[in-house]
Amino acid sequence: MVKAVTFEENLAALEDIVKRLENGDVPLEEAIAEFQKGMKLSKTLQKTLKNAEATLVKVMADDGTEEVFDGQ
């Protein structure tokens, strides 16, 4: 069975990609591949956060004390 990758593992992978690209010593082809991988990770992380936010809003609504979260 394949273990699901956690939010924290995805975030760490994205941070590693950013560090490598910021160093600037990555060959162009590899930089493009890493950038694409980073964008995919970013979208996955955003989706996970949106799902978590929706879950929290639902839990608060079930409790009767919902507050609007503006993301700031």
PDB file of N, CA and C in Angstrom:
ATOM      1  N   MET A   1       0.850  -1.183   0.000  1.00  0.00           N
ATOM      2  CA  MET A   1       0.000   0.000   0.000  1.00  0.00           C
ATOM      3  C   MET A   1       0.896   1.248   0.000  1.00  0.00           C
ATOM      4  N   VAL A   2       0.525   2.237  -0.782  1.00  0.00           N
ATOM      5  CA  VAL A   2       1.300   3.466  -0.895  1.00  0.00           C
ATOM      6  C   VAL A   2       0.884   4.436   0.205  1.00  0.00           C
ATOM      7  N   LYS A   3       1.887   4.955   0.905  1.00  0.00           N
ATOM      8  CA  LYS A   3       1.621   5.918   1.986  1.00  0.00           C
ATOM      9  C   LYS A   3       1.313   7.284   1.369  1.00  0.00           C
ATOM     10  N   ALA A   4       0.257   7.914   1.840  1.00  0.00           N
ATOM     11  CA  ALA A   4      -0.093   9.252   1.365  1.00  0.00           C
ATOM     12  C   ALA A   4       0.954  10.247   1.857  1.00  0.00           C
ATOM     13  N   VAL A   5       1.310  11.164   0.982  1.00  0.00           N
ATOM     14  CA  VAL A   5       2.279  12.193   1.336  1.00  0.00           C
ATOM     15  C   VAL A   5       1.563  13.260   2.158  1.00  0.00           C
ATOM     16  N   THR A   6       2.164  13.663   3.254  1.00  0.00           N
ATOM     17  CA  THR A   6       1.526  14.641   4.129  1.00  0.00           C
ATOM     18  C   THR A   6       1.725  16.062   3.603  1.00  0.00           C
ATOM     19  N   PHE A   7       0.942  16.975   4.128  1.00  0.00           N
ATOM     20  CA  PHE A   7       1.071  18.391   3.804  1.00  0.00           C
ATOM     21  C   PHE A   7       2.492  18.860   4.110  1.00  0.00           C
ATOM     22  N   GLU A   8       2.990  18.469   5.263  1.00  0.00           N
ATOM     23  CA  GLU A   8       4.316  18.899   5.702  1.00  0.00           C
ATOM     24  C   GLU A   8       5.409  18.374   4.780  1.00  0.00           C
ATOM     25  N   GLU A   9       5.260  17.133   4.307  1.00  0.00           N
ATOM     26  CA  GLU A   9       6.247  16.570   3.381  1.00  0.00           C
ATOM     27  C   GLU A   9       6.230  17.317   2.048  1.00  0.00           C
ATOM     28  N   ASN A  10       5.034  17.626   1.549  1.00  0.00           N
ATOM     29  CA  ASN A  10       4.916  18.398   0.312  1.00  0.00           C
ATOM     30  C   ASN A  10       5.507  19.790   0.479  1.00  0.00           C
ATOM     31  N   LEU A  11       5.252  20.424   1.615  1.00  0.00           N
ATOM     32  CA  LEU A  11       5.783  21.757   1.868  1.00  0.00           C
ATOM     33  C   LEU A  11       7.311  21.728   1.917  1.00  0.00           C
ATOM     34  N   ALA A  12       7.867  20.728   2.570  1.00  0.00           N
ATOM     35  CA  ALA A  12       9.328  20.599   2.644  1.00  0.00           C
ATOM     36  C   ALA A  12       9.925  20.382   1.251  1.00  0.00           C
ATOM     37  N   ALA A  13       9.253  19.585   0.424  1.00  0.00           N
ATOM     38  CA  ALA A  13       9.737  19.347  -0.937  1.00  0.00           C
ATOM     39  C   ALA A  13       9.706  20.638  -1.744  1.00  0.00           C
ATOM     40  N   LEU A  14       8.644  21.419  -1.591  1.00  0.00           N
ATOM     41  CA  LEU A  14       8.546  22.699  -2.296  1.00  0.00           C
ATOM     42  C   LEU A  14       9.636  23.658  -1.825  1.00  0.00           C
ATOM     43  N   GLU A  15       9.868  23.707  -0.530  1.00  0.00           N
ATOM     44  CA  GLU A  15      10.926  24.570   0.005  1.00  0.00           C
ATOM     45  C   GLU A  15      12.298  24.177  -0.535  1.00  0.00           C
ATOM     46  N   ASP A  16      12.549  22.877  -0.669  1.00  0.00           N
ATOM     47  CA  ASP A  16      13.825  22.404  -1.226  1.00  0.00           C
ATOM     48  C   ASP A  16      13.979  22.849  -2.679  1.00  0.00           C
ATOM     49  N   ILE A  17      12.907  22.747  -3.445  1.00  0.00           N
ATOM     50  CA  ILE A  17      12.938  23.168  -4.846  1.00  0.00           C
ATOM     51  C   ILE A  17      13.242  24.661  -4.937  1.00  0.00           C
ATOM     52  N   VAL A  18      12.569  25.448  -4.114  1.00  0.00           N
ATOM     53  CA  VAL A  18      12.784  26.896  -4.128  1.00  0.00           C
ATOM     54  C   VAL A  18      14.235  27.223  -3.807  1.00  0.00           C
ATOM     55  N   LYS A  19      14.799  26.567  -2.813  1.00  0.00           N
ATOM     56  CA  LYS A  19      16.202  26.812  -2.436  1.00  0.00           C
ATOM     57  C   LYS A  19      17.145  26.496  -3.597  1.00  0.00           C
ATOM     58  N   ARG A  20      16.907  25.342  -4.249  1.00  0.00           N
ATOM     59  CA  ARG A  20      17.775  24.962  -5.370  1.00  0.00           C
ATOM     60  C   ARG A  20      17.669  25.970  -6.510  1.00  0.00           C
ATOM     61  N   LEU A  21      16.461  26.409  -6.809  1.00  0.00           N
ATOM     62  CA  LEU A  21      16.283  27.358  -7.907  1.00  0.00           C
ATOM     63  C   LEU A  21      16.842  28.732  -7.553  1.00  0.00           C
ATOM     64  N   GLU A  22      16.723  29.129  -6.293  1.00  0.00           N
ATOM     65  CA  GLU A  22      17.267  30.426  -5.876  1.00  0.00           C
ATOM     66  C   GLU A  22      18.791  30.460  -5.946  1.00  0.00           C
ATOM     67  N   ASN A  23      19.424  29.312  -5.737  1.00  0.00           N
ATOM     68  CA  ASN A  23      20.887  29.246  -5.824  1.00  0.00           C
ATOM     69  C   ASN A  23      21.366  29.556  -7.236  1.00  0.00           C
ATOM     70  N   GLY A  24      20.560  29.216  -8.230  1.00  0.00           N
ATOM     71  CA  GLY A  24      20.889  29.558  -9.604  1.00  0.00           C
ATOM     72  C   GLY A  24      21.925  28.681 -10.275  1.00  0.00           C
ATOM     73  N   ASP A  25      22.370  27.618  -9.625  1.00  0.00           N
ATOM     74  CA  ASP A  25      23.384  26.763 -10.232  1.00  0.00           C
ATOM     75  C   ASP A  25      22.802  25.474 -10.813  1.00  0.00           C
ATOM     76  N   VAL A  26      21.513  25.503 -11.137  1.00  0.00           N
ATOM     77  CA  VAL A  26      20.820  24.358 -11.705  1.00  0.00           C
ATOM     78  C   VAL A  26      20.774  24.532 -13.225  1.00  0.00           C
ATOM     79  N   PRO A  27      21.123  23.492 -13.986  1.00  0.00           N
ATOM     80  CA  PRO A  27      21.032  23.590 -15.443  1.00  0.00           C
ATOM     81  C   PRO A  27      19.602  23.919 -15.879  1.00  0.00           C
ATOM     82  N   LEU A  28      19.471  24.603 -16.996  1.00  0.00           N
ATOM     83  CA  LEU A  28      18.174  25.101 -17.458  1.00  0.00           C
ATOM     84  C   LEU A  28      17.114  24.008 -17.536  1.00  0.00           C
ATOM     85  N   GLU A  29      17.436  22.889 -18.134  1.00  0.00           N
ATOM     86  CA  GLU A  29      16.447  21.815 -18.292  1.00  0.00           C
ATOM     87  C   GLU A  29      15.958  21.314 -16.935  1.00  0.00           C
ATOM     88  N   GLU A  30      16.903  21.172 -16.015  1.00  0.00           N
ATOM     89  CA  GLU A  30      16.545  20.722 -14.667  1.00  0.00           C
ATOM     90  C   GLU A  30      15.738  21.794 -13.940  1.00  0.00           C
ATOM     91  N   ALA A  31      16.086  23.050 -14.137  1.00  0.00           N
ATOM     92  CA  ALA A  31      15.359  24.154 -13.503  1.00  0.00           C
ATOM     93  C   ALA A  31      13.912  24.180 -13.976  1.00  0.00           C
ATOM     94  N   ILE A  32      13.707  23.951 -15.275  1.00  0.00           N
ATOM     95  CA  ILE A  32      12.340  23.938 -15.808  1.00  0.00           C
ATOM     96  C   ILE A  32      11.541  22.789 -15.201  1.00  0.00           C
ATOM     97  N   ALA A  33      12.160  21.607 -15.130  1.00  0.00           N
ATOM     98  CA  ALA A  33      11.487  20.445 -14.545  1.00  0.00           C
ATOM     99  C   ALA A  33      11.175  20.686 -13.072  1.00  0.00           C
ATOM    100  N   GLU A  34      12.118  21.263 -12.347  1.00  0.00           N
ATOM    101  CA  GLU A  34      11.909  21.559 -10.926  1.00  0.00           C
ATOM    102  C   GLU A  34      10.816  22.604 -10.740  1.00  0.00           C
ATOM    103  N   PHE A  35      10.798  23.609 -11.602  1.00  0.00           N
ATOM    104  CA  PHE A  35       9.764  24.641 -11.528  1.00  0.00           C
ATOM    105  C   PHE A  35       8.385  24.011 -11.728  1.00  0.00           C
ATOM    106  N   GLN A  36       8.267  23.136 -12.726  1.00  0.00           N
ATOM    107  CA  GLN A  36       6.987  22.467 -12.978  1.00  0.00           C
ATOM    108  C   GLN A  36       6.566  21.620 -11.775  1.00  0.00           C
ATOM    109  N   LYS A  37       7.514  20.903 -11.210  1.00  0.00           N
ATOM    110  CA  LYS A  37       7.234  20.096 -10.019  1.00  0.00           C
ATOM    111  C   LYS A  37       6.801  20.985  -8.859  1.00  0.00           C
ATOM    112  N   GLY A  38       7.476  22.117  -8.699  1.00  0.00           N
ATOM    113  CA  GLY A  38       7.122  23.060  -7.639  1.00  0.00           C
ATOM    114  C   GLY A  38       5.722  23.630  -7.817  1.00  0.00           C
ATOM    115  N   MET A  39       5.354  23.942  -9.052  1.00  0.00           N
ATOM    116  CA  MET A  39       4.004  24.467  -9.313  1.00  0.00           C
ATOM    117  C   MET A  39       2.949  23.421  -8.978  1.00  0.00           C
ATOM    118  N   LYS A  40       3.222  22.171  -9.316  1.00  0.00           N
ATOM    119  CA  LYS A  40       2.286  21.092  -8.984  1.00  0.00           C
ATOM    120  C   LYS A  40       2.141  20.951  -7.471  1.00  0.00           C
ATOM    121  N   LEU A  41       3.276  20.990  -6.770  1.00  0.00           N
ATOM    122  CA  LEU A  41       3.238  20.913  -5.306  1.00  0.00           C
ATOM    123  C   LEU A  41       2.469  22.091  -4.717  1.00  0.00           C
ATOM    124  N   SER A  42       2.690  23.287  -5.268  1.00  0.00           N
ATOM    125  CA  SER A  42       2.001  24.482  -4.787  1.00  0.00           C
ATOM    126  C   SER A  42       0.487  24.327  -4.925  1.00  0.00           C
ATOM    127  N   LYS A  43       0.043  23.823  -6.061  1.00  0.00           N
ATOM    128  CA  LYS A  43      -1.395  23.627  -6.277  1.00  0.00           C
ATOM    129  C   LYS A  43      -1.957  22.586  -5.314  1.00  0.00           C
ATOM    130  N   THR A  44      -1.187  21.525  -5.079  1.00  0.00           N
ATOM    131  CA  THR A  44      -1.618  20.491  -4.130  1.00  0.00           C
ATOM    132  C   THR A  44      -1.737  21.067  -2.721  1.00  0.00           C
ATOM    133  N   LEU A  45      -0.760  21.867  -2.318  1.00  0.00           N
ATOM    134  CA  LEU A  45      -0.783  22.489  -0.992  1.00  0.00           C
ATOM    135  C   LEU A  45      -1.962  23.449  -0.852  1.00  0.00           C
ATOM    136  N   GLN A  46      -2.223  24.245  -1.896  1.00  0.00           N
ATOM    137  CA  GLN A  46      -3.355  25.176  -1.861  1.00  0.00           C
ATOM    138  C   GLN A  46      -4.671  24.421  -1.724  1.00  0.00           C
ATOM    139  N   LYS A  47      -4.802  23.315  -2.450  1.00  0.00           N
ATOM    140  CA  LYS A  47      -6.025  22.506  -2.379  1.00  0.00           C
ATOM    141  C   LYS A  47      -6.207  21.933  -0.974  1.00  0.00           C
ATOM    142  N   THR A  48      -5.123  21.460  -0.387  1.00  0.00           N
ATOM    143  CA  THR A  48      -5.183  20.905   0.969  1.00  0.00           C
ATOM    144  C   THR A  48      -5.620  21.975   1.966  1.00  0.00           C
ATOM    145  N   LEU A  49      -5.072  23.185   1.837  1.00  0.00           N
ATOM    146  CA  LEU A  49      -5.449  24.269   2.743  1.00  0.00           C
ATOM    147  C   LEU A  49      -6.909  24.675   2.567  1.00  0.00           C
ATOM    148  N   LYS A  50      -7.380  24.728   1.324  1.00  0.00           N
ATOM    149  CA  LYS A  50      -8.785  25.068   1.079  1.00  0.00           C
ATOM    150  C   LYS A  50      -9.711  24.016   1.682  1.00  0.00           C
ATOM    151  N   ASN A  51      -9.347  22.747   1.548  1.00  0.00           N
ATOM    152  CA  ASN A  51     -10.154  21.676   2.136  1.00  0.00           C
ATOM    153  C   ASN A  51     -10.162  21.763   3.660  1.00  0.00           C
ATOM    154  N   ALA A  52      -9.017  22.074   4.251  1.00  0.00           N
ATOM    155  CA  ALA A  52      -8.942  22.222   5.704  1.00  0.00           C
ATOM    156  C   ALA A  52      -9.805  23.393   6.163  1.00  0.00           C
ATOM    157  N   GLU A  53      -9.744  24.503   5.424  1.00  0.00           N
ATOM    158  CA  GLU A  53     -10.553  25.667   5.772  1.00  0.00           C
ATOM    159  C   GLU A  53     -12.041  25.334   5.692  1.00  0.00           C
ATOM    160  N   ALA A  54     -12.443  24.630   4.634  1.00  0.00           N
ATOM    161  CA  ALA A  54     -13.853  24.252   4.482  1.00  0.00           C
ATOM    162  C   ALA A  54     -14.303  23.349   5.624  1.00  0.00           C
ATOM    163  N   THR A  55     -13.435  22.444   6.045  1.00  0.00           N
ATOM    164  CA  THR A  55     -13.750  21.556   7.161  1.00  0.00           C
ATOM    165  C   THR A  55     -13.920  22.352   8.451  1.00  0.00           C
ATOM    166  N   LEU A  56     -13.023  23.302   8.696  1.00  0.00           N
ATOM    167  CA  LEU A  56     -13.119  24.116   9.911  1.00  0.00           C
ATOM    168  C   LEU A  56     -14.391  24.961   9.920  1.00  0.00           C
ATOM    169  N   VAL A  57     -14.729  25.534   8.775  1.00  0.00           N
ATOM    170  CA  VAL A  57     -15.948  26.339   8.699  1.00  0.00           C
ATOM    171  C   VAL A  57     -17.165  25.460   8.970  1.00  0.00           C
ATOM    172  N   LYS A  58     -17.176  24.240   8.432  1.00  0.00           N
ATOM    173  CA  LYS A  58     -18.292  23.322   8.661  1.00  0.00           C
ATOM    174  C   LYS A  58     -18.391  22.952  10.136  1.00  0.00           C
ATOM    175  N   VAL A  59     -17.258  22.659  10.750  1.00  0.00           N
ATOM    176  CA  VAL A  59     -17.253  22.303  12.172  1.00  0.00           C
ATOM    177  C   VAL A  59     -17.775  23.468  13.003  1.00  0.00           C
ATOM    178  N   MET A  60     -17.321  24.680  12.680  1.00  0.00           N
ATOM    179  CA  MET A  60     -17.794  25.852  13.424  1.00  0.00           C
ATOM    180  C   MET A  60     -19.283  26.080  13.176  1.00  0.00           C
ATOM    181  N   ALA A  61     -19.750  25.823  11.952  1.00  0.00           N
ATOM    182  CA  ALA A  61     -21.165  26.007  11.642  1.00  0.00           C
ATOM    183  C   ALA A  61     -22.004  24.994  12.415  1.00  0.00           C
ATOM    184  N   ASP A  62     -21.518  23.770  12.532  1.00  0.00           N
ATOM    185  CA  ASP A  62     -22.229  22.745  13.297  1.00  0.00           C
ATOM    186  C   ASP A  62     -22.318  23.139  14.760  1.00  0.00           C
ATOM    187  N   ASP A  63     -21.339  23.882  15.238  1.00  0.00           N
ATOM    188  CA  ASP A  63     -21.298  24.336  16.617  1.00  0.00           C
ATOM    189  C   ASP A  63     -22.170  25.579  16.812  1.00  0.00           C
ATOM    190  N   GLY A  64     -22.549  26.207  15.698  1.00  0.00           N
ATOM    191  CA  GLY A  64     -23.370  27.403  15.779  1.00  0.00           C
ATOM    192  C   GLY A  64     -22.579  28.684  15.962  1.00  0.00           C
ATOM    193  N   THR A  65     -21.264  28.616  15.843  1.00  0.00           N
ATOM    194  CA  THR A  65     -20.445  29.805  16.068  1.00  0.00           C
ATOM    195  C   THR A  65     -19.542  30.108  14.879  1.00  0.00           C
ATOM    196  N   GLU A  66     -20.091  30.000  13.696  1.00  0.00           N
ATOM    197  CA  GLU A  66     -19.295  30.234  12.487  1.00  0.00           C
ATOM    198  C   GLU A  66     -18.824  31.675  12.401  1.00  0.00           C
ATOM    199  N   GLU A  67     -17.564  31.831  12.022  1.00  0.00           N
ATOM    200  CA  GLU A  67     -17.015  33.148  11.752  1.00  0.00           C
ATOM    201  C   GLU A  67     -16.406  33.121  10.370  1.00  0.00           C
ATOM    202  N   VAL A  68     -16.566  34.194   9.640  1.00  0.00           N
ATOM    203  CA  VAL A  68     -16.028  34.263   8.292  1.00  0.00           C
ATOM    204  C   VAL A  68     -14.513  34.393   8.367  1.00  0.00           C
ATOM    205  N   PHE A  69     -13.825  33.548   7.609  1.00  0.00           N
ATOM    206  CA  PHE A  69     -12.371  33.581   7.540  1.00  0.00           C
ATOM    207  C   PHE A  69     -11.985  34.294   6.259  1.00  0.00           C
ATOM    208  N   ASP A  70     -11.254  35.421   6.376  1.00  0.00           N
ATOM    209  CA  ASP A  70     -10.910  36.190   5.188  1.00  0.00           C
ATOM    210  C   ASP A  70      -9.523  35.875   4.659  1.00  0.00           C
ATOM    211  N   GLY A  71      -8.803  34.939   5.284  1.00  0.00           N
ATOM    212  CA  GLY A  71      -7.501  34.519   4.791  1.00  0.00           C
ATOM    213  C   GLY A  71      -6.364  35.468   5.105  1.00  0.00           C
ATOM    214  N   GLN A  72      -6.571  36.479   5.897  1.00  0.00           N
ATOM    215  CA  GLN A  72      -5.511  37.439   6.200  1.00  0.00           C
ATOM    216  C   GLN A  72      -5.071  37.339   7.634  1.00  0.00           C
TER     217      GLN A  72
END
